[in-house]
Amino acid sequence: MKLILVRHAETEWNLEGIIQGHSDSSLTCRGLRETSVLLAAFSASEYQIERVYASPLGRAWQMGQSLAEHFRCSLTAEPALKEQAFGQFEGMPLELLRQKHPNDSNALFRLDAEYCPPGGESLAHASQRVMRFLQNLEDTSSHQQTICIVSHGHVSQGTLAILKEGTVNSFPRYA
Protein backbone atom coordinates (compact mmCIF):
# COMPACT_ATOMS: atom_id res chain seq x y z
CA MET A 1 0.00 0.00 0.00
CA LYS A 2 1.22 3.46 -0.88
CA LEU A 3 0.16 6.12 1.56
CA ILE A 4 -0.10 9.86 0.95
CA LEU A 5 -0.59 12.00 4.06
CA VAL A 6 -2.19 15.41 3.57
CA ARG A 7 -2.83 18.11 6.15
CA HIS A 8 -5.92 20.25 5.66
CA ALA A 9 -5.50 23.70 4.13
CA GLU A 10 -5.36 26.99 6.05
CA THR A 11 -8.38 27.88 8.19
CA GLU A 12 -9.62 31.11 9.77
CA TRP A 13 -8.34 29.95 13.16
CA ASN A 14 -4.94 29.00 11.70
CA LEU A 15 -4.69 32.53 10.36
CA GLU A 16 -5.72 34.01 13.72
CA GLY A 17 -3.42 31.73 15.73
CA ILE A 18 -6.29 30.02 17.57
CA ILE A 19 -5.94 26.43 18.84
CA GLN A 20 -8.44 24.20 17.01
CA GLY A 21 -8.27 20.55 18.06
CA HIS A 22 -11.75 19.04 17.67
CA SER A 23 -13.26 22.52 17.24
CA ASP A 24 -13.61 23.64 13.65
CA SER A 25 -13.28 26.76 11.54
CA SER A 26 -13.74 27.50 7.86
CA LEU A 27 -11.06 27.43 5.21
CA THR A 28 -9.68 30.82 4.22
CA CYS A 29 -9.39 32.05 0.63
CA ARG A 30 -5.74 31.05 0.87
CA GLY A 31 -6.82 27.61 2.10
CA LEU A 32 -9.04 27.20 -0.96
CA ARG A 33 -6.10 28.20 -3.19
CA GLU A 34 -3.86 25.71 -1.35
CA THR A 35 -6.40 23.00 -2.17
CA SER A 36 -6.38 24.00 -5.85
CA VAL A 37 -2.56 24.01 -5.91
CA LEU A 38 -2.48 20.52 -4.38
CA LEU A 39 -4.93 19.22 -6.98
CA ALA A 40 -2.84 20.78 -9.77
CA ALA A 41 0.29 19.13 -8.37
CA PHE A 42 -1.46 15.77 -8.34
CA SER A 43 -2.62 16.35 -11.94
CA ALA A 44 0.98 16.95 -12.99
CA SER A 45 2.17 13.79 -11.22
CA GLU A 46 1.73 10.11 -11.92
CA TYR A 47 -0.16 9.44 -8.69
CA GLN A 48 -3.52 7.76 -9.00
CA ILE A 49 -5.32 7.63 -5.67
CA GLU A 50 -7.86 4.81 -5.28
CA ARG A 51 -9.34 5.80 -1.91
CA VAL A 52 -9.44 8.84 0.34
CA TYR A 53 -9.95 8.71 4.10
CA ALA A 54 -10.49 12.00 5.88
CA SER A 55 -11.08 13.28 9.36
CA PRO A 56 -14.78 14.16 9.70
CA LEU A 57 -13.84 17.64 10.95
CA GLY A 58 -14.93 20.13 8.28
CA ARG A 59 -11.52 21.55 7.43
CA ALA A 60 -10.11 18.11 6.56
CA TRP A 61 -13.36 16.72 5.16
CA GLN A 62 -13.56 19.57 2.63
CA MET A 63 -10.09 18.76 1.29
CA GLY A 64 -10.99 15.05 1.26
CA GLN A 65 -14.05 15.82 -0.86
CA SER A 66 -11.94 17.78 -3.34
CA LEU A 67 -9.40 14.96 -3.61
CA ALA A 68 -12.07 12.26 -4.01
CA GLU A 69 -13.82 14.27 -6.72
CA HIS A 70 -10.52 14.91 -8.50
CA PHE A 71 -9.54 11.23 -8.50
CA ARG A 72 -13.13 9.95 -8.90
CA CYS A 73 -12.71 7.63 -5.95
CA SER A 74 -14.43 6.86 -2.67
CA LEU A 75 -14.22 9.12 0.37
CA THR A 76 -14.64 7.72 3.87
CA ALA A 77 -14.99 9.73 7.07
CA GLU A 78 -12.63 8.26 9.68
CA PRO A 79 -12.94 9.55 13.27
CA ALA A 80 -9.50 8.12 14.13
CA LEU A 81 -7.99 10.82 11.88
CA LYS A 82 -9.29 13.72 13.99
CA GLU A 83 -6.83 16.20 15.43
CA GLN A 84 -5.55 15.79 18.97
CA ALA A 85 -8.20 16.99 21.42
CA PHE A 86 -6.77 20.08 23.12
CA GLY A 87 -9.56 20.20 25.71
CA GLN A 88 -9.83 23.50 27.59
CA PHE A 89 -7.25 25.08 25.28
CA GLU A 90 -9.45 24.77 22.17
CA GLY A 91 -10.61 28.16 20.95
CA MET A 92 -7.79 29.92 22.84
CA PRO A 93 -5.26 32.05 20.98
CA LEU A 94 -1.89 30.28 21.05
CA GLU A 95 -0.19 33.48 22.18
CA LEU A 96 -2.51 33.68 25.21
CA LEU A 97 -1.69 30.07 26.11
CA ARG A 98 2.02 30.90 25.87
CA GLN A 99 1.58 33.93 28.13
CA LYS A 100 -0.75 32.46 30.76
CA HIS A 101 0.40 28.83 30.71
CA PRO A 102 3.97 28.75 29.32
CA ASN A 103 4.76 25.34 30.82
CA ASP A 104 1.61 23.82 29.33
CA SER A 105 2.33 25.43 25.97
CA ASN A 106 5.90 24.12 25.87
CA ALA A 107 4.86 20.64 26.96
CA LEU A 108 2.01 20.50 24.46
CA PHE A 109 3.75 21.81 21.36
CA ARG A 110 7.49 21.30 21.92
CA LEU A 111 8.49 18.88 24.63
CA ASP A 112 6.17 16.17 25.87
CA ALA A 113 4.09 13.85 23.72
CA GLU A 114 2.62 12.35 26.91
CA TYR A 115 1.34 15.71 28.18
CA CYS A 116 -2.47 15.72 28.35
CA PRO A 117 -4.15 19.13 28.27
CA PRO A 118 -7.06 19.55 30.73
CA GLY A 119 -10.10 17.85 29.21
CA GLY A 120 -8.14 16.70 26.15
CA GLU A 121 -5.82 13.90 25.09
CA SER A 122 -2.07 13.51 24.79
CA LEU A 123 -0.33 13.56 21.42
CA ALA A 124 0.90 10.04 22.18
CA HIS A 125 -2.71 8.85 22.55
CA ALA A 126 -3.93 10.70 19.45
CA SER A 127 -1.02 9.40 17.34
CA GLN A 128 -1.63 5.82 18.48
CA ARG A 129 -5.28 6.23 17.45
CA VAL A 130 -4.09 7.11 13.93
CA MET A 131 -1.48 4.31 13.94
CA ARG A 132 -4.14 1.71 14.82
CA PHE A 133 -6.22 2.92 11.88
CA LEU A 134 -3.21 2.79 9.53
CA GLN A 135 -2.33 -0.74 10.69
CA ASN A 136 -5.89 -1.90 10.05
CA LEU A 137 -5.80 -0.20 6.65
CA GLU A 138 -2.54 -1.95 5.78
CA ASP A 139 -4.00 -5.30 6.84
CA THR A 140 -7.06 -4.87 4.61
CA SER A 141 -5.63 -3.09 1.55
CA SER A 142 -3.86 -4.26 -1.57
CA HIS A 143 -0.12 -3.60 -1.76
CA GLN A 144 -0.70 -1.86 -5.10
CA GLN A 145 -3.28 0.63 -3.83
CA THR A 146 -2.49 4.29 -3.31
CA ILE A 147 -4.51 5.73 -0.45
CA CYS A 148 -4.72 9.35 0.63
CA ILE A 149 -5.20 10.27 4.29
CA VAL A 150 -6.42 13.80 5.08
CA SER A 151 -5.83 14.78 8.67
CA HIS A 152 -4.43 17.55 10.87
CA GLY A 153 -1.10 19.15 11.72
CA HIS A 154 -0.30 18.14 15.27
CA VAL A 155 -1.53 14.55 15.12
CA SER A 156 0.31 14.15 11.80
CA GLN A 157 3.54 15.31 13.47
CA GLY A 158 3.19 12.52 16.04
CA THR A 159 2.23 9.95 13.44
CA LEU A 160 5.17 10.85 11.18
CA ALA A 161 7.55 10.64 14.14
CA ILE A 162 6.32 7.11 14.86
CA LEU A 163 6.49 6.04 11.21
CA LYS A 164 9.94 7.52 10.60
CA GLU A 165 11.66 7.03 13.97
CA GLY A 166 9.57 4.53 15.89
CA THR A 167 8.75 7.00 18.66
CA VAL A 168 6.31 9.86 19.05
CA ASN A 169 8.81 11.76 21.20
CA SER A 170 10.56 13.30 18.19
CA PHE A 171 7.32 14.97 17.03
CA PRO A 172 8.72 18.56 17.01
CA ARG A 173 10.98 17.62 14.08
CA TYR A 174 7.92 17.09 11.89
CA ALA A 175 6.34 20.53 12.35
C-alpha atoms as a PDB file:
ATOM      1  CA  MET A   1       0.000   0.000   0.000  1.00  0.00           C
ATOM      2  CA  LYS A   2       1.225   3.461  -0.881  1.00  0.00           C
ATOM      3  CA  LEU A   3       0.157   6.124   1.561  1.00  0.00           C
ATOM      4  CA  ILE A   4      -0.097   9.863   0.951  1.00  0.00           C
ATOM      5  CA  LEU A   5      -0.588  12.001   4.063  1.00  0.00           C
ATOM      6  CA  VAL A   6      -2.190  15.412   3.567  1.00  0.00           C
ATOM      7  CA  ARG A   7      -2.827  18.113   6.150  1.00  0.00           C
ATOM      8  CA  HIS A   8      -5.921  20.251   5.665  1.00  0.00           C
ATOM      9  CA  ALA A   9      -5.499  23.703   4.134  1.00  0.00           C
ATOM     10  CA  GLU A  10      -5.358  26.993   6.048  1.00  0.00           C
ATOM     11  CA  THR A  11      -8.383  27.878   8.193  1.00  0.00           C
ATOM     12  CA  GLU A  12      -9.615  31.110   9.766  1.00  0.00           C
ATOM     13  CA  TRP A  13      -8.344  29.947  13.162  1.00  0.00           C
ATOM     14  CA  ASN A  14      -4.940  28.997  11.699  1.00  0.00           C
ATOM     15  CA  LEU A  15      -4.691  32.525  10.356  1.00  0.00           C
ATOM     16  CA  GLU A  16      -5.716  34.009  13.719  1.00  0.00           C
ATOM     17  CA  GLY A  17      -3.424  31.727  15.728  1.00  0.00           C
ATOM     18  CA  ILE A  18      -6.287  30.018  17.574  1.00  0.00           C
ATOM     19  CA  ILE A  19      -5.944  26.435  18.838  1.00  0.00           C
ATOM     20  CA  GLN A  20      -8.444  24.198  17.014  1.00  0.00           C
ATOM     21  CA  GLY A  21      -8.272  20.547  18.057  1.00  0.00           C
ATOM     22  CA  HIS A  22     -11.752  19.043  17.669  1.00  0.00           C
ATOM     23  CA  SER A  23     -13.258  22.524  17.242  1.00  0.00           C
ATOM     24  CA  ASP A  24     -13.607  23.640  13.654  1.00  0.00           C
ATOM     25  CA  SER A  25     -13.280  26.760  11.545  1.00  0.00           C
ATOM     26  CA  SER A  26     -13.741  27.502   7.861  1.00  0.00           C
ATOM     27  CA  LEU A  27     -11.055  27.431   5.213  1.00  0.00           C
ATOM     28  CA  THR A  28      -9.677  30.819   4.223  1.00  0.00           C
ATOM     29  CA  CYS A  29      -9.394  32.053   0.634  1.00  0.00           C
ATOM     30  CA  ARG A  30      -5.738  31.054   0.874  1.00  0.00           C
ATOM     31  CA  GLY A  31      -6.823  27.606   2.096  1.00  0.00           C
ATOM     32  CA  LEU A  32      -9.044  27.199  -0.960  1.00  0.00           C
ATOM     33  CA  ARG A  33      -6.102  28.204  -3.186  1.00  0.00           C
ATOM     34  CA  GLU A  34      -3.860  25.712  -1.353  1.00  0.00           C
ATOM     35  CA  THR A  35      -6.398  23.000  -2.168  1.00  0.00           C
ATOM     36  CA  SER A  36      -6.375  24.003  -5.847  1.00  0.00           C
ATOM     37  CA  VAL A  37      -2.561  24.012  -5.911  1.00  0.00           C
ATOM     38  CA  LEU A  38      -2.476  20.521  -4.380  1.00  0.00           C
ATOM     39  CA  LEU A  39      -4.932  19.218  -6.980  1.00  0.00           C
ATOM     40  CA  ALA A  40      -2.843  20.780  -9.765  1.00  0.00           C
ATOM     41  CA  ALA A  41       0.295  19.131  -8.370  1.00  0.00           C
ATOM     42  CA  PHE A  42      -1.463  15.766  -8.337  1.00  0.00           C
ATOM     43  CA  SER A  43      -2.624  16.347 -11.936  1.00  0.00           C
ATOM     44  CA  ALA A  44       0.977  16.947 -12.987  1.00  0.00           C
ATOM     45  CA  SER A  45       2.165  13.795 -11.218  1.00  0.00           C
ATOM     46  CA  GLU A  46       1.730  10.111 -11.917  1.00  0.00           C
ATOM     47  CA  TYR A  47      -0.158   9.445  -8.686  1.00  0.00           C
ATOM     48  CA  GLN A  48      -3.520   7.756  -9.000  1.00  0.00           C
ATOM     49  CA  ILE A  49      -5.324   7.628  -5.674  1.00  0.00           C
ATOM     50  CA  GLU A  50      -7.855   4.809  -5.283  1.00  0.00           C
ATOM     51  CA  ARG A  51      -9.339   5.800  -1.910  1.00  0.00           C
ATOM     52  CA  VAL A  52      -9.441   8.845   0.338  1.00  0.00           C
ATOM     53  CA  TYR A  53      -9.947   8.710   4.098  1.00  0.00           C
ATOM     54  CA  ALA A  54     -10.492  12.003   5.885  1.00  0.00           C
ATOM     55  CA  SER A  55     -11.077  13.277   9.362  1.00  0.00           C
ATOM     56  CA  PRO A  56     -14.776  14.158   9.698  1.00  0.00           C
ATOM     57  CA  LEU A  57     -13.837  17.642  10.949  1.00  0.00           C
ATOM     58  CA  GLY A  58     -14.927  20.133   8.281  1.00  0.00           C
ATOM     59  CA  ARG A  59     -11.517  21.547   7.428  1.00  0.00           C
ATOM     60  CA  ALA A  60     -10.109  18.109   6.562  1.00  0.00           C
ATOM     61  CA  TRP A  61     -13.361  16.724   5.159  1.00  0.00           C
ATOM     62  CA  GLN A  62     -13.557  19.572   2.630  1.00  0.00           C
ATOM     63  CA  MET A  63     -10.094  18.758   1.292  1.00  0.00           C
ATOM     64  CA  GLY A  64     -10.991  15.050   1.258  1.00  0.00           C
ATOM     65  CA  GLN A  65     -14.053  15.822  -0.858  1.00  0.00           C
ATOM     66  CA  SER A  66     -11.944  17.785  -3.339  1.00  0.00           C
ATOM     67  CA  LEU A  67      -9.399  14.957  -3.611  1.00  0.00           C
ATOM     68  CA  ALA A  68     -12.069  12.260  -4.008  1.00  0.00           C
ATOM     69  CA  GLU A  69     -13.823  14.273  -6.722  1.00  0.00           C
ATOM     70  CA  HIS A  70     -10.517  14.910  -8.503  1.00  0.00           C
ATOM     71  CA  PHE A  71      -9.543  11.230  -8.504  1.00  0.00           C
ATOM     72  CA  ARG A  72     -13.128   9.954  -8.897  1.00  0.00           C
ATOM     73  CA  CYS A  73     -12.713   7.633  -5.946  1.00  0.00           C
ATOM     74  CA  SER A  74     -14.434   6.857  -2.674  1.00  0.00           C
ATOM     75  CA  LEU A  75     -14.222   9.120   0.366  1.00  0.00           C
ATOM     76  CA  THR A  76     -14.639   7.721   3.871  1.00  0.00           C
ATOM     77  CA  ALA A  77     -14.986   9.731   7.069  1.00  0.00           C
ATOM     78  CA  GLU A  78     -12.632   8.257   9.675  1.00  0.00           C
ATOM     79  CA  PRO A  79     -12.945   9.546  13.272  1.00  0.00           C
ATOM     80  CA  ALA A  80      -9.496   8.124  14.129  1.00  0.00           C
ATOM     81  CA  LEU A  81      -7.989  10.818  11.883  1.00  0.00           C
ATOM     82  CA  LYS A  82      -9.287  13.717  13.988  1.00  0.00           C
ATOM     83  CA  GLU A  83      -6.827  16.197  15.427  1.00  0.00           C
ATOM     84  CA  GLN A  84      -5.552  15.790  18.967  1.00  0.00           C
ATOM     85  CA  ALA A  85      -8.203  16.988  21.418  1.00  0.00           C
ATOM     86  CA  PHE A  86      -6.772  20.077  23.116  1.00  0.00           C
ATOM     87  CA  GLY A  87      -9.564  20.196  25.714  1.00  0.00           C
ATOM     88  CA  GLN A  88      -9.826  23.502  27.587  1.00  0.00           C
ATOM     89  CA  PHE A  89      -7.254  25.081  25.285  1.00  0.00           C
ATOM     90  CA  GLU A  90      -9.445  24.771  22.175  1.00  0.00           C
ATOM     91  CA  GLY A  91     -10.605  28.162  20.952  1.00  0.00           C
ATOM     92  CA  MET A  92      -7.790  29.918  22.839  1.00  0.00           C
ATOM     93  CA  PRO A  93      -5.260  32.054  20.980  1.00  0.00           C
ATOM     94  CA  LEU A  94      -1.893  30.278  21.054  1.00  0.00           C
ATOM     95  CA  GLU A  95      -0.189  33.479  22.179  1.00  0.00           C
ATOM     96  CA  LEU A  96      -2.510  33.682  25.206  1.00  0.00           C
ATOM     97  CA  LEU A  97      -1.693  30.068  26.106  1.00  0.00           C
ATOM     98  CA  ARG A  98       2.023  30.901  25.867  1.00  0.00           C
ATOM     99  CA  GLN A  99       1.584  33.932  28.132  1.00  0.00           C
ATOM    100  CA  LYS A 100      -0.749  32.457  30.756  1.00  0.00           C
ATOM    101  CA  HIS A 101       0.403  28.833  30.713  1.00  0.00           C
ATOM    102  CA  PRO A 102       3.970  28.749  29.322  1.00  0.00           C
ATOM    103  CA  ASN A 103       4.762  25.336  30.823  1.00  0.00           C
ATOM    104  CA  ASP A 104       1.607  23.819  29.332  1.00  0.00           C
ATOM    105  CA  SER A 105       2.326  25.431  25.968  1.00  0.00           C
ATOM    106  CA  ASN A 106       5.904  24.123  25.867  1.00  0.00           C
ATOM    107  CA  ALA A 107       4.861  20.641  26.959  1.00  0.00           C
ATOM    108  CA  LEU A 108       2.012  20.498  24.461  1.00  0.00           C
ATOM    109  CA  PHE A 109       3.750  21.813  21.362  1.00  0.00           C
ATOM    110  CA  ARG A 110       7.487  21.303  21.917  1.00  0.00           C
ATOM    111  CA  LEU A 111       8.488  18.878  24.626  1.00  0.00           C
ATOM    112  CA  ASP A 112       6.169  16.174  25.871  1.00  0.00           C
ATOM    113  CA  ALA A 113       4.091  13.846  23.718  1.00  0.00           C
ATOM    114  CA  GLU A 114       2.620  12.351  26.913  1.00  0.00           C
ATOM    115  CA  TYR A 115       1.338  15.712  28.177  1.00  0.00           C
ATOM    116  CA  CYS A 116      -2.467  15.720  28.349  1.00  0.00           C
ATOM    117  CA  PRO A 117      -4.149  19.131  28.272  1.00  0.00           C
ATOM    118  CA  PRO A 118      -7.056  19.545  30.734  1.00  0.00           C
ATOM    119  CA  GLY A 119     -10.104  17.850  29.206  1.00  0.00           C
ATOM    120  CA  GLY A 120      -8.135  16.703  26.155  1.00  0.00           C
ATOM    121  CA  GLU A 121      -5.820  13.898  25.095  1.00  0.00           C
ATOM    122  CA  SER A 122      -2.066  13.513  24.789  1.00  0.00           C
ATOM    123  CA  LEU A 123      -0.334  13.564  21.422  1.00  0.00           C
ATOM    124  CA  ALA A 124       0.904  10.042  22.178  1.00  0.00           C
ATOM    125  CA  HIS A 125      -2.708   8.852  22.548  1.00  0.00           C
ATOM    126  CA  ALA A 126      -3.928  10.704  19.446  1.00  0.00           C
ATOM    127  CA  SER A 127      -1.019   9.403  17.344  1.00  0.00           C
ATOM    128  CA  GLN A 128      -1.627   5.820  18.478  1.00  0.00           C
ATOM    129  CA  ARG A 129      -5.276   6.233  17.446  1.00  0.00           C
ATOM    130  CA  VAL A 130      -4.086   7.109  13.930  1.00  0.00           C
ATOM    131  CA  MET A 131      -1.483   4.311  13.935  1.00  0.00           C
ATOM    132  CA  ARG A 132      -4.143   1.707  14.816  1.00  0.00           C
ATOM    133  CA  PHE A 133      -6.217   2.922  11.879  1.00  0.00           C
ATOM    134  CA  LEU A 134      -3.213   2.785   9.527  1.00  0.00           C
ATOM    135  CA  GLN A 135      -2.329  -0.736  10.686  1.00  0.00           C
ATOM    136  CA  ASN A 136      -5.891  -1.896  10.047  1.00  0.00           C
ATOM    137  CA  LEU A 137      -5.801  -0.199   6.651  1.00  0.00           C
ATOM    138  CA  GLU A 138      -2.542  -1.949   5.779  1.00  0.00           C
ATOM    139  CA  ASP A 139      -4.004  -5.301   6.835  1.00  0.00           C
ATOM    140  CA  THR A 140      -7.064  -4.866   4.608  1.00  0.00           C
ATOM    141  CA  SER A 141      -5.632  -3.085   1.545  1.00  0.00           C
ATOM    142  CA  SER A 142      -3.858  -4.265  -1.567  1.00  0.00           C
ATOM    143  CA  HIS A 143      -0.125  -3.598  -1.755  1.00  0.00           C
ATOM    144  CA  GLN A 144      -0.702  -1.864  -5.101  1.00  0.00           C
ATOM    145  CA  GLN A 145      -3.276   0.630  -3.829  1.00  0.00           C
ATOM    146  CA  THR A 146      -2.488   4.294  -3.308  1.00  0.00           C
ATOM    147  CA  ILE A 147      -4.506   5.728  -0.449  1.00  0.00           C
ATOM    148  CA  CYS A 148      -4.718   9.348   0.629  1.00  0.00           C
ATOM    149  CA  ILE A 149      -5.198  10.269   4.294  1.00  0.00           C
ATOM    150  CA  VAL A 150      -6.416  13.802   5.076  1.00  0.00           C
ATOM    151  CA  SER A 151      -5.829  14.777   8.674  1.00  0.00           C
ATOM    152  CA  HIS A 152      -4.429  17.548  10.871  1.00  0.00           C
ATOM    153  CA  GLY A 153      -1.104  19.149  11.719  1.00  0.00           C
ATOM    154  CA  HIS A 154      -0.298  18.140  15.268  1.00  0.00           C
ATOM    155  CA  VAL A 155      -1.528  14.550  15.117  1.00  0.00           C
ATOM    156  CA  SER A 156       0.310  14.154  11.803  1.00  0.00           C
ATOM    157  CA  GLN A 157       3.542  15.310  13.474  1.00  0.00           C
ATOM    158  CA  GLY A 158       3.192  12.523  16.037  1.00  0.00           C
ATOM    159  CA  THR A 159       2.227   9.947  13.436  1.00  0.00           C
ATOM    160  CA  LEU A 160       5.165  10.849  11.177  1.00  0.00           C
ATOM    161  CA  ALA A 161       7.550  10.642  14.135  1.00  0.00           C
ATOM    162  CA  ILE A 162       6.321   7.108  14.862  1.00  0.00           C
ATOM    163  CA  LEU A 163       6.485   6.039  11.205  1.00  0.00           C
ATOM    164  CA  LYS A 164       9.943   7.522  10.599  1.00  0.00           C
ATOM    165  CA  GLU A 165      11.663   7.033  13.966  1.00  0.00           C
ATOM    166  CA  GLY A 166       9.569   4.530  15.886  1.00  0.00           C
ATOM    167  CA  THR A 167       8.748   7.003  18.664  1.00  0.00           C
ATOM    168  CA  VAL A 168       6.310   9.865  19.054  1.00  0.00           C
ATOM    169  CA  ASN A 169       8.811  11.759  21.196  1.00  0.00           C
ATOM    170  CA  SER A 170      10.561  13.301  18.194  1.00  0.00           C
ATOM    171  CA  PHE A 171       7.322  14.971  17.031  1.00  0.00           C
ATOM    172  CA  PRO A 172       8.720  18.563  17.007  1.00  0.00           C
ATOM    173  CA  ARG A 173      10.982  17.624  14.078  1.00  0.00           C
ATOM    174  CA  TYR A 174       7.920  17.087  11.891  1.00  0.00           C
ATOM    175  CA  ALA A 175       6.337  20.527  12.351  1.00  0.00           C
END
